[in-house]
Protein backbone atom coordinates (compact mmCIF):
# COMPACT_ATOMS: atom_id res chain seq x y z
CA MET A 1 129.09 196.99 31.86
CA HIS A 2 125.94 195.40 31.30
CA GLU A 3 126.21 191.55 31.67
CA THR A 4 124.91 191.15 27.77
CA ARG A 5 127.79 193.28 26.45
CA LEU A 6 130.50 191.50 28.71
CA ALA A 7 128.94 187.93 27.13
CA TYR A 8 129.22 189.48 23.67
CA LEU A 9 132.82 190.67 24.14
CA ALA A 10 133.62 187.08 25.32
CA ALA A 11 131.96 185.45 22.44
CA ALA A 12 133.87 187.81 20.02
CA GLY A 13 137.21 186.84 21.60
CA ALA A 14 136.16 183.05 21.27
CA ALA A 15 135.27 183.69 17.65
CA GLY A 16 138.59 185.38 17.22
CA THR A 17 140.55 182.42 18.53
CA VAL A 18 139.09 180.05 15.80
CA VAL A 19 139.05 182.45 13.27
CA LYS A 20 143.02 183.18 13.49
CA LEU A 21 143.83 179.61 13.26
CA GLU A 22 146.49 179.13 10.25
CA GLU A 23 144.21 176.20 9.14
CA VAL A 24 141.20 178.59 8.20
CA GLY A 25 143.23 180.53 5.75
CA ALA A 26 144.75 177.46 4.41
CA ARG A 27 141.44 175.95 3.78
CA TRP A 28 139.75 179.24 2.76
CA ALA A 29 138.18 178.05 -0.59
CA GLU A 30 137.01 174.63 0.57
CA PRO A 31 133.53 173.95 1.32
CA SER A 32 132.15 174.59 4.98
CA ALA A 33 129.81 172.41 6.99
CA LEU A 34 127.07 175.09 5.61
CA ALA A 35 125.38 174.50 2.02
CA GLU A 36 126.79 177.05 -0.69
CA MET A 37 129.35 178.57 1.76
CA THR A 38 133.00 178.04 1.78
CA ILE A 39 134.99 177.99 4.76
CA GLY A 40 136.11 181.71 3.96
CA ASP A 41 132.36 182.60 3.22
CA LEU A 42 131.50 181.20 6.64
CA THR A 43 134.33 182.97 8.36
CA ALA A 44 133.48 186.26 6.84
CA HIS A 45 129.87 186.02 8.13
CA LEU A 46 131.10 184.88 11.51
CA VAL A 47 133.44 187.96 11.66
CA ARG A 48 130.42 190.31 10.43
CA ALA A 49 128.78 189.59 13.81
CA VAL A 50 131.48 191.63 15.25
CA THR A 51 132.25 194.37 12.58
CA SER A 52 128.70 195.19 12.26
CA VAL A 53 128.31 196.45 15.84
CA PRO A 54 130.93 199.50 15.37
CA ASP A 55 129.11 200.28 11.80
CA CYS A 56 126.01 200.43 13.75
CA LEU A 57 127.32 202.59 16.83
CA ALA A 58 128.73 204.98 14.15
CA GLU A 59 125.23 206.19 13.14
CA HIS A 60 122.85 208.41 15.32
CA VAL A 61 119.42 206.72 15.43
CA ARG A 62 116.32 208.41 16.38
CA GLU A 63 113.37 206.44 17.84
CA LYS A 64 111.07 206.22 15.08
CA GLU A 65 108.91 203.46 16.40
CA GLU A 66 109.04 200.64 19.17
CA PRO A 67 112.63 198.93 18.72
CA LEU A 68 112.30 195.19 17.94
CA SER A 69 113.58 192.62 20.39
CA ALA A 70 116.10 190.16 19.62
CA ALA A 71 113.70 187.39 19.27
CA ALA A 72 111.55 189.47 16.97
CA TYR A 73 114.58 190.29 15.02
CA PHE A 74 115.09 186.53 14.46
CA LEU A 75 111.52 185.95 13.45
CA PRO A 76 111.71 186.04 9.78
CA VAL A 77 114.95 184.04 9.70
CA THR A 78 114.40 180.47 8.51
CA ALA A 79 116.42 177.42 7.32
CA ASP A 80 115.13 178.19 3.69
CA LEU A 81 118.42 178.62 1.62
CA SER A 82 116.46 180.67 -1.10
CA SER A 83 114.90 183.05 1.24
CA SER A 84 115.97 186.76 0.68
CA ILE A 85 117.89 186.99 3.83
CA ASN A 86 119.89 183.92 3.40
CA THR A 87 120.33 184.72 -0.22
CA ARG A 88 121.92 188.17 0.75
CA VAL A 89 123.89 186.71 3.45
CA ARG A 90 125.64 184.21 1.26
CA HIS A 91 126.34 187.10 -1.30
CA SER A 92 127.58 189.57 1.33
CA SER A 93 129.54 186.60 2.99
CA SER A 94 131.17 185.55 -0.44
CA ASP A 95 132.29 189.13 -1.51
CA ALA A 96 133.89 189.75 2.01
CA ALA A 97 135.56 186.50 1.87
CA ARG A 98 137.54 187.60 -1.51
CA ALA A 99 139.68 189.94 0.74
CA GLY A 100 141.32 186.85 2.06
CA HIS A 101 141.98 185.48 5.46
CA ALA A 102 144.47 188.05 6.68
CA ALA A 103 142.22 190.97 5.72
CA VAL A 104 139.14 189.37 7.63
CA VAL A 105 141.30 188.76 10.65
CA ALA A 106 142.50 192.64 10.57
CA ASP A 107 138.71 193.63 10.38
CA LEU A 108 137.72 191.55 13.36
CA GLU A 109 140.82 192.87 15.41
CA HIS A 110 140.00 196.47 14.59
CA ALA A 111 136.26 196.16 15.42
CA GLN A 112 137.26 194.46 18.85
CA ASP A 113 139.63 197.23 19.80
CA ILE A 114 136.78 199.77 18.94
CA LEU A 115 134.15 197.71 21.04
CA ARG A 116 136.02 197.27 24.08
CA VAL A 117 135.88 200.88 24.47
CA ARG A 118 132.52 201.88 23.09
CA LEU A 119 130.53 199.16 24.84
CA SER A 120 131.54 200.42 28.32
CA ALA A 121 130.50 203.89 27.29
CA GLU A 122 127.02 203.41 25.51
CA PRO A 123 123.90 203.95 27.76
CA GLU A 124 121.15 201.33 28.18
CA ASP A 125 118.83 203.04 26.11
CA ARG A 126 121.25 203.32 23.17
CA LEU A 127 119.50 202.60 19.91
CA VAL A 128 120.91 201.04 16.80
CA GLU A 129 119.56 200.67 13.29
CA VAL A 130 120.29 197.50 11.23
CA LYS A 131 120.66 199.27 7.83
CA ALA A 132 120.18 195.97 5.87
CA ARG A 133 116.93 195.38 7.08
CA GLY A 134 115.98 198.79 8.20
CA GLU A 135 115.09 197.69 11.78
CA VAL A 136 115.93 199.41 15.06
CA LEU A 137 116.64 197.56 18.28
CA LEU A 138 118.22 198.41 21.40
CA LEU A 139 121.94 197.99 21.77
CA ASP A 140 121.74 195.19 24.31
CA GLU A 141 118.99 193.33 22.18
CA TYR A 142 121.12 193.67 18.82
CA LEU A 143 124.07 192.19 20.87
CA LYS A 144 121.76 189.20 21.68
CA THR A 145 121.26 188.63 18.05
CA ARG A 146 125.11 189.08 17.32
CA ILE A 147 125.68 186.34 20.24
CA ILE A 148 123.49 183.90 18.48
CA GLU A 149 125.40 184.43 15.37
CA LEU A 150 128.78 184.17 17.05
CA VAL A 151 128.27 180.81 19.11
CA VAL A 152 126.08 179.01 16.05
CA HIS A 153 128.86 180.00 13.58
CA ILE A 154 131.85 179.06 15.77
CA ASP A 155 130.17 175.85 16.03
CA ASP A 156 129.83 175.82 12.33
CA LEU A 157 133.30 176.57 11.67
CA CYS A 158 134.96 174.12 14.15
CA VAL A 159 132.65 171.36 12.51
CA SER A 160 134.01 172.57 9.02
CA LEU A 161 137.45 172.24 10.19
CA GLY A 162 136.96 168.76 12.10
CA ARG A 163 137.83 170.45 15.26
CA PRO A 164 136.19 170.06 18.53
CA THR A 165 134.01 173.16 19.47
CA PRO A 166 135.44 175.04 22.39
CA THR A 167 133.38 176.60 25.36
CA LEU A 168 130.95 179.23 24.04
CA PRO A 169 130.74 182.15 26.07
CA GLY A 170 127.32 183.72 25.94
CA VAL A 171 125.52 180.28 24.71
CA GLU A 172 122.90 181.08 27.76
CA VAL A 173 122.16 184.14 25.89
CA ALA A 174 121.56 182.62 22.50
CA ILE A 175 119.73 179.49 23.87
CA SER A 176 117.23 181.84 25.95
CA THR A 177 116.87 184.19 22.87
CA LEU A 178 116.18 181.27 20.53
CA ILE A 179 113.47 179.92 22.83
CA ASP A 180 111.93 183.21 22.78
CA VAL A 181 111.99 183.38 19.03
CA ALA A 182 110.14 179.73 19.04
CA ALA A 183 107.55 181.26 21.61
CA LEU A 184 106.94 184.19 19.10
CA ARG A 185 106.62 181.85 16.17
CA HIS A 186 104.36 179.01 17.65
CA GLY A 187 103.25 180.11 21.15
CA GLU A 188 104.47 179.25 24.63
CA LEU A 189 102.31 176.06 24.85
CA SER A 190 104.19 174.62 21.99
CA VAL A 191 107.50 175.38 23.65
CA LEU A 192 106.63 173.91 26.59
CA ARG A 193 105.72 170.40 24.84
CA ALA A 194 108.87 170.68 22.73
CA LEU A 195 110.77 170.78 26.15
CA ALA A 196 108.87 168.33 28.25
CA ARG A 197 106.67 166.09 25.82
CA ARG A 198 108.24 165.15 22.81
CA GLU A 199 105.53 163.08 21.66
CA ARG A 200 103.51 166.31 21.19
CA ASP A 201 106.15 168.01 19.32
CA PRO A 202 105.57 167.12 15.71
CA ASP A 203 106.80 170.26 14.19
CA GLU A 204 110.02 170.55 16.09
CA VAL A 205 109.21 173.99 17.16
CA LEU A 206 112.63 174.56 18.90
CA ARG A 207 114.38 174.40 15.50
CA VAL A 208 113.96 178.06 14.53
CA ILE A 209 116.78 178.92 12.21
């Protein structure tokens, strides 16, 4: 299996370990470390990084245009809470969280069972379409975006619970892809300066989402 797919499955497994904690369910309605999201909302959003993949694989996609890279997919995502993307995420996460902890965990486990089989069988040129945004990516590029969601929000959830963040499988993929986002947004020279010459990085270009 492609190493990106293995990293994704490992990251999904790490997410499951945290999501299934009884403390998550007990504190479902409490505020999380993320503005305007409860622990339940955050957990539902984290789980969506797993359940969205079988949804995409259930649809056949004809190549209509050049597929996006993982970095290009994240390019419009910012820290602006009022943006259409972030507003939609908060609303959909809140809706999903209403089902409760047990239901969200069950959805996660069902998706993991599907993906352990499907990801080993899908060809390298498999395309998926992200319905919410109408964008097409190669499956492995989409999985890179899901790895980012998984490792970032595992950390968010652990911080929300006051627990140490565990080792994050796939974090190397997430870091590499986020640096690619910064390069697309600001240019390679700005990224070089951010990494090596802090005094020449007034815009903090590595903070991409």
